[in-house]
């Protein structure tokens, strides 16, 4: 999946922070006090000149009543659960990419699954608004959804789980994956 360059990421954060702070009726100083983030840092973020950690953005988000996604999303695109925004870049090529985000209303459940070759689990539709994220760590998951079958190897996928879905191991080896249900 493509990730976005750091300058574009910082420009999105700057735009969104100015917009959300303005909508909340807060000055930079008031936001700094409410979030525990320095006034200098708030100004640097809003100018797009300062790189910022997700923990700092989380503190700002709490003060604004906004999610991390609200702060990092491309303001020119429609809101989606798929984000794909570069949030950190290491000096040796490492990176931290925010892939997905959804609002949880009640809870988040993390399940670890193991399916042996030929095993299949059929799940019913969850209530409207629920999502499932699967993260494959070993083998190949055949994820069966209304729009077709998705083969996942060492990757993650987020989907609307208000539809019948199934997990199957069509391979010859063990399949291990995490299923994260977001209610």
C-alpha atoms as a PDB file:
ATOM      1  CA  UNK A   1       0.000   0.000   0.000  1.00  0.00           C
ATOM      2  CA  UNK A   2       1.336   3.435  -0.794  1.00  0.00           C
ATOM      3  CA  UNK A   3       2.242   5.772   1.996  1.00  0.00           C
ATOM      4  CA  UNK A   4       2.267   9.514   1.859  1.00  0.00           C
ATOM      5  CA  UNK A   5       5.412  11.664   2.019  1.00  0.00           C
ATOM      6  CA  UNK A   6       6.273  13.419   5.281  1.00  0.00           C
ATOM      7  CA  UNK A   7       5.813  16.998   3.914  1.00  0.00           C
ATOM      8  CA  UNK A   8       2.280  16.189   2.684  1.00  0.00           C
ATOM      9  CA  UNK A   9       1.493  14.521   6.021  1.00  0.00           C
ATOM     10  CA  UNK A  10       2.657  17.625   7.913  1.00  0.00           C
ATOM     11  CA  UNK A  11       0.600  19.892   5.629  1.00  0.00           C
ATOM     12  CA  UNK A  12      -2.542  17.819   6.331  1.00  0.00           C
ATOM     13  CA  UNK A  13      -1.915  17.902  10.084  1.00  0.00           C
ATOM     14  CA  UNK A  14      -1.306  21.679   9.951  1.00  0.00           C
ATOM     15  CA  UNK A  15      -4.525  22.333   8.028  1.00  0.00           C
ATOM     16  CA  UNK A  16      -6.637  20.025  10.188  1.00  0.00           C
ATOM     17  CA  UNK A  17      -5.251  21.383  13.457  1.00  0.00           C
ATOM     18  CA  UNK A  18      -5.955  25.006  12.458  1.00  0.00           C
ATOM     19  CA  UNK A  19      -9.496  24.053  11.350  1.00  0.00           C
ATOM     20  CA  UNK A  20     -10.317  21.988  14.450  1.00  0.00           C
ATOM     21  CA  UNK A  21      -8.814  24.512  16.865  1.00  0.00           C
ATOM     22  CA  UNK A  22     -10.800  27.299  15.183  1.00  0.00           C
ATOM     23  CA  UNK A  23     -14.017  25.254  15.311  1.00  0.00           C
ATOM     24  CA  UNK A  24     -13.420  24.673  19.039  1.00  0.00           C
ATOM     25  CA  UNK A  25     -12.963  28.425  19.563  1.00  0.00           C
ATOM     26  CA  UNK A  26      -9.532  27.961  21.136  1.00  0.00           C
ATOM     27  CA  UNK A  27      -6.450  30.108  20.797  1.00  0.00           C
ATOM     28  CA  UNK A  28      -3.119  28.364  20.344  1.00  0.00           C
ATOM     29  CA  UNK A  29      -2.322  29.230  23.959  1.00  0.00           C
ATOM     30  CA  UNK A  30      -5.608  27.742  25.233  1.00  0.00           C
ATOM     31  CA  UNK A  31      -5.003  24.556  23.223  1.00  0.00           C
ATOM     32  CA  UNK A  32      -1.465  24.316  24.582  1.00  0.00           C
ATOM     33  CA  UNK A  33      -2.780  24.574  28.136  1.00  0.00           C
ATOM     34  CA  UNK A  34      -5.622  22.084  27.543  1.00  0.00           C
ATOM     35  CA  UNK A  35      -3.383  19.508  25.839  1.00  0.00           C
ATOM     36  CA  UNK A  36      -0.167  19.895  27.811  1.00  0.00           C
ATOM     37  CA  UNK A  37       1.695  20.510  24.539  1.00  0.00           C
ATOM     38  CA  UNK A  38       3.928  23.578  24.405  1.00  0.00           C
ATOM     39  CA  UNK A  39       2.695  26.713  22.655  1.00  0.00           C
ATOM     40  CA  UNK A  40       5.828  26.607  20.495  1.00  0.00           C
ATOM     41  CA  UNK A  41       5.003  23.048  19.377  1.00  0.00           C
ATOM     42  CA  UNK A  42       1.375  23.969  18.584  1.00  0.00           C
ATOM     43  CA  UNK A  43       2.586  26.889  16.458  1.00  0.00           C
ATOM     44  CA  UNK A  44       5.169  24.726  14.693  1.00  0.00           C
ATOM     45  CA  UNK A  45       2.590  22.046  13.888  1.00  0.00           C
ATOM     46  CA  UNK A  46       0.105  24.605  12.553  1.00  0.00           C
ATOM     47  CA  UNK A  47       2.827  26.081  10.341  1.00  0.00           C
ATOM     48  CA  UNK A  48       3.672  22.631   8.959  1.00  0.00           C
ATOM     49  CA  UNK A  49       7.268  23.117  10.038  1.00  0.00           C
ATOM     50  CA  UNK A  50       7.437  20.678  12.931  1.00  0.00           C
ATOM     51  CA  UNK A  51       7.366  16.900  12.836  1.00  0.00           C
ATOM     52  CA  UNK A  52       5.098  15.548  15.535  1.00  0.00           C
ATOM     53  CA  UNK A  53       4.677  12.204  17.297  1.00  0.00           C
ATOM     54  CA  UNK A  54       1.389  10.345  17.419  1.00  0.00           C
ATOM     55  CA  UNK A  55       1.402  10.615  21.217  1.00  0.00           C
ATOM     56  CA  UNK A  56       1.508  14.415  20.915  1.00  0.00           C
ATOM     57  CA  UNK A  57      -1.270  14.335  18.319  1.00  0.00           C
ATOM     58  CA  UNK A  58      -3.303  12.099  20.627  1.00  0.00           C
ATOM     59  CA  UNK A  59      -2.986  14.657  23.459  1.00  0.00           C
ATOM     60  CA  UNK A  60      -4.038  17.463  21.120  1.00  0.00           C
ATOM     61  CA  UNK A  61      -6.910  15.334  19.805  1.00  0.00           C
ATOM     62  CA  UNK A  62      -8.218  14.672  23.314  1.00  0.00           C
ATOM     63  CA  UNK A  63      -8.205  18.400  24.051  1.00  0.00           C
ATOM     64  CA  UNK A  64     -10.114  19.078  20.801  1.00  0.00           C
ATOM     65  CA  UNK A  65     -12.457  16.090  21.051  1.00  0.00           C
ATOM     66  CA  UNK A  66     -10.960  14.811  17.784  1.00  0.00           C
ATOM     67  CA  UNK A  67      -9.482  11.477  16.746  1.00  0.00           C
ATOM     68  CA  UNK A  68      -5.997  10.908  15.387  1.00  0.00           C
ATOM     69  CA  UNK A  69      -7.611  10.315  12.001  1.00  0.00           C
ATOM     70  CA  UNK A  70      -9.335  13.716  12.191  1.00  0.00           C
ATOM     71  CA  UNK A  71      -5.897  15.280  12.606  1.00  0.00           C
ATOM     72  CA  UNK A  72      -3.978  13.372   9.909  1.00  0.00           C
ATOM     73  CA  UNK A  73      -6.562  12.772   7.153  1.00  0.00           C
ATOM     74  CA  UNK A  74      -6.177  14.436   3.769  1.00  0.00           C
ATOM     75  CA  UNK A  75      -8.724  17.303   3.983  1.00  0.00           C
ATOM     76  CA  UNK A  76      -9.321  17.104   0.210  1.00  0.00           C
ATOM     77  CA  UNK A  77     -10.493  13.473   0.355  1.00  0.00           C
ATOM     78  CA  UNK A  78     -13.680  11.954   1.690  1.00  0.00           C
ATOM     79  CA  UNK A  79     -13.296  10.310   5.110  1.00  0.00           C
ATOM     80  CA  UNK A  80     -12.426   6.624   4.812  1.00  0.00           C
ATOM     81  CA  UNK A  81     -11.321   3.923   7.245  1.00  0.00           C
ATOM     82  CA  UNK A  82      -8.199   3.461   5.089  1.00  0.00           C
ATOM     83  CA  UNK A  83      -5.703   6.198   5.879  1.00  0.00           C
ATOM     84  CA  UNK A  84      -2.232   5.159   4.608  1.00  0.00           C
ATOM     85  CA  UNK A  85      -0.370   8.161   6.023  1.00  0.00           C
ATOM     86  CA  UNK A  86       3.324   8.169   6.781  1.00  0.00           C
ATOM     87  CA  UNK A  87       3.687   9.263  10.386  1.00  0.00           C
ATOM     88  CA  UNK A  88       7.354   8.489  11.033  1.00  0.00           C
ATOM     89  CA  UNK A  89      10.410   7.969   8.879  1.00  0.00           C
ATOM     90  CA  UNK A  90      13.633   6.507  10.215  1.00  0.00           C
ATOM     91  CA  UNK A  91      17.058   7.572   9.072  1.00  0.00           C
ATOM     92  CA  UNK A  92      17.736   4.030   7.762  1.00  0.00           C
ATOM     93  CA  UNK A  93      14.505   3.575   5.815  1.00  0.00           C
ATOM     94  CA  UNK A  94      12.171   2.442   8.582  1.00  0.00           C
ATOM     95  CA  UNK A  95       8.709   3.916   8.697  1.00  0.00           C
ATOM     96  CA  UNK A  96       5.522   4.045  10.705  1.00  0.00           C
ATOM     97  CA  UNK A  97       2.393   4.201   8.562  1.00  0.00           C
ATOM     98  CA  UNK A  98      -1.115   4.708   9.931  1.00  0.00           C
ATOM     99  CA  UNK A  99      -3.050   2.247   7.773  1.00  0.00           C
ATOM    100  CA  UNK A 100      -6.610   2.276   9.118  1.00  0.00           C
ATOM    101  CA  UNK A 101      -8.806   3.941  11.697  1.00  0.00           C
ATOM    102  CA  UNK A 102     -12.428   3.566  12.730  1.00  0.00           C
ATOM    103  CA  UNK A 103     -14.350   4.991  15.645  1.00  0.00           C
ATOM    104  CA  UNK A 104     -15.120   2.425  18.332  1.00  0.00           C
ATOM    105  CA  UNK A 105     -18.388   3.022  20.148  1.00  0.00           C
ATOM    106  CA  UNK A 106     -18.165   0.268  22.758  1.00  0.00           C
ATOM    107  CA  UNK A 107     -15.106  -1.941  22.720  1.00  0.00           C
ATOM    108  CA  UNK A 108     -12.321  -3.501  20.708  1.00  0.00           C
ATOM    109  CA  UNK A 109     -11.805  -7.282  20.862  1.00  0.00           C
ATOM    110  CA  UNK A 110      -8.572  -8.961  19.780  1.00  0.00           C
ATOM    111  CA  UNK A 111      -8.765 -12.643  18.855  1.00  0.00           C
ATOM    112  CA  UNK A 112      -5.845 -14.869  17.874  1.00  0.00           C
ATOM    113  CA  UNK A 113      -6.889 -17.539  15.367  1.00  0.00           C
ATOM    114  CA  UNK A 114      -5.168 -20.689  14.103  1.00  0.00           C
ATOM    115  CA  UNK A 115      -6.710 -22.644  11.215  1.00  0.00           C
ATOM    116  CA  UNK A 116      -5.209 -25.901  10.050  1.00  0.00           C
ATOM    117  CA  UNK A 117      -5.232 -26.829   6.329  1.00  0.00           C
ATOM    118  CA  UNK A 118      -8.811 -27.262   5.071  1.00  0.00           C
ATOM    119  CA  UNK A 119     -10.458 -25.583   8.085  1.00  0.00           C
ATOM    120  CA  UNK A 120     -13.039 -22.816   7.592  1.00  0.00           C
ATOM    121  CA  UNK A 121     -14.927 -20.599  10.010  1.00  0.00           C
ATOM    122  CA  UNK A 122     -18.211 -19.032   8.864  1.00  0.00           C
ATOM    123  CA  UNK A 123     -19.194 -15.845  10.692  1.00  0.00           C
ATOM    124  CA  UNK A 124     -22.581 -14.176  10.600  1.00  0.00           C
ATOM    125  CA  UNK A 125     -23.070 -10.487   9.988  1.00  0.00           C
ATOM    126  CA  UNK A 126     -22.199  -8.209  12.890  1.00  0.00           C
ATOM    127  CA  UNK A 127     -24.397  -5.232  13.795  1.00  0.00           C
ATOM    128  CA  UNK A 128     -24.278  -2.178  11.511  1.00  0.00           C
ATOM    129  CA  UNK A 129     -21.281   0.005  12.226  1.00  0.00           C
ATOM    130  CA  UNK A 130     -18.994  -2.833  13.331  1.00  0.00           C
ATOM    131  CA  UNK A 131     -15.689  -3.535  11.592  1.00  0.00           C
ATOM    132  CA  UNK A 132     -13.136  -6.328  11.648  1.00  0.00           C
ATOM    133  CA  UNK A 133      -9.444  -5.981  10.989  1.00  0.00           C
ATOM    134  CA  UNK A 134      -7.490  -9.144  10.228  1.00  0.00           C
ATOM    135  CA  UNK A 135      -3.707  -9.300  10.466  1.00  0.00           C
ATOM    136  CA  UNK A 136      -2.120 -12.408   8.944  1.00  0.00           C
ATOM    137  CA  UNK A 137       1.154 -13.447  10.579  1.00  0.00           C
ATOM    138  CA  UNK A 138       1.616 -16.937   9.113  1.00  0.00           C
ATOM    139  CA  UNK A 139       0.177 -18.710   6.069  1.00  0.00           C
ATOM    140  CA  UNK A 140      -2.498 -17.491   3.672  1.00  0.00           C
ATOM    141  CA  UNK A 141      -5.978 -16.413   4.757  1.00  0.00           C
ATOM    142  CA  UNK A 142      -8.849 -16.766   2.309  1.00  0.00           C
ATOM    143  CA  UNK A 143     -11.212 -14.027   3.494  1.00  0.00           C
ATOM    144  CA  UNK A 144     -14.626 -14.505   1.924  1.00  0.00           C
ATOM    145  CA  UNK A 145     -16.830 -11.408   1.718  1.00  0.00           C
ATOM    146  CA  UNK A 146     -19.866 -10.369  -0.308  1.00  0.00           C
ATOM    147  CA  UNK A 147     -17.608  -8.726  -2.907  1.00  0.00           C
ATOM    148  CA  UNK A 148     -15.540 -11.872  -3.390  1.00  0.00           C
ATOM    149  CA  UNK A 149     -12.584 -13.699  -1.939  1.00  0.00           C
ATOM    150  CA  UNK A 150      -9.431 -11.943  -0.753  1.00  0.00           C
ATOM    151  CA  UNK A 151      -6.143 -13.834  -0.339  1.00  0.00           C
ATOM    152  CA  UNK A 152      -4.063 -12.295   2.458  1.00  0.00           C
ATOM    153  CA  UNK A 153      -0.436 -13.193   3.248  1.00  0.00           C
ATOM    154  CA  UNK A 154       1.525 -11.343   5.928  1.00  0.00           C
ATOM    155  CA  UNK A 155      -0.743  -8.325   5.615  1.00  0.00           C
ATOM    156  CA  UNK A 156      -3.742  -6.628   7.190  1.00  0.00           C
ATOM    157  CA  UNK A 157      -7.203  -5.752   5.936  1.00  0.00           C
ATOM    158  CA  UNK A 158     -10.067  -3.812   7.517  1.00  0.00           C
ATOM    159  CA  UNK A 159     -13.634  -4.529   6.426  1.00  0.00           C
ATOM    160  CA  UNK A 160     -17.210  -3.685   7.339  1.00  0.00           C
ATOM    161  CA  UNK A 161     -18.333  -6.811   9.199  1.00  0.00           C
ATOM    162  CA  UNK A 162     -22.073  -6.098   8.941  1.00  0.00           C
ATOM    163  CA  UNK A 163     -22.091  -8.856   6.308  1.00  0.00           C
ATOM    164  CA  UNK A 164     -21.630 -12.604   6.450  1.00  0.00           C
ATOM    165  CA  UNK A 165     -17.952 -13.455   6.133  1.00  0.00           C
ATOM    166  CA  UNK A 166     -15.734 -16.506   6.395  1.00  0.00           C
ATOM    167  CA  UNK A 167     -12.117 -17.296   7.166  1.00  0.00           C
ATOM    168  CA  UNK A 168     -10.578 -20.296   5.408  1.00  0.00           C
ATOM    169  CA  UNK A 169      -7.191 -21.981   5.144  1.00  0.00           C
ATOM    170  CA  UNK A 170      -6.830 -23.376   1.632  1.00  0.00           C
ATOM    171  CA  UNK A 171      -3.077 -23.799   1.977  1.00  0.00           C
ATOM    172  CA  UNK A 172      -0.976 -26.764   3.038  1.00  0.00           C
ATOM    173  CA  UNK A 173       0.437 -25.260   6.224  1.00  0.00           C
ATOM    174  CA  UNK A 174      -0.907 -23.705   9.394  1.00  0.00           C
ATOM    175  CA  UNK A 175      -2.609 -20.284   9.188  1.00  0.00           C
ATOM    176  CA  UNK A 176      -2.283 -17.786  12.057  1.00  0.00           C
ATOM    177  CA  UNK A 177      -3.996 -14.417  12.141  1.00  0.00           C
ATOM    178  CA  UNK A 178      -5.430 -11.853  14.517  1.00  0.00           C
ATOM    179  CA  UNK A 179      -9.036 -10.776  14.219  1.00  0.00           C
ATOM    180  CA  UNK A 180      -9.736  -7.415  15.811  1.00  0.00           C
ATOM    181  CA  UNK A 181     -13.439  -6.648  16.181  1.00  0.00           C
ATOM    182  CA  UNK A 182     -14.257  -2.965  16.577  1.00  0.00           C
ATOM    183  CA  UNK A 183     -17.696  -2.430  18.074  1.00  0.00           C
END
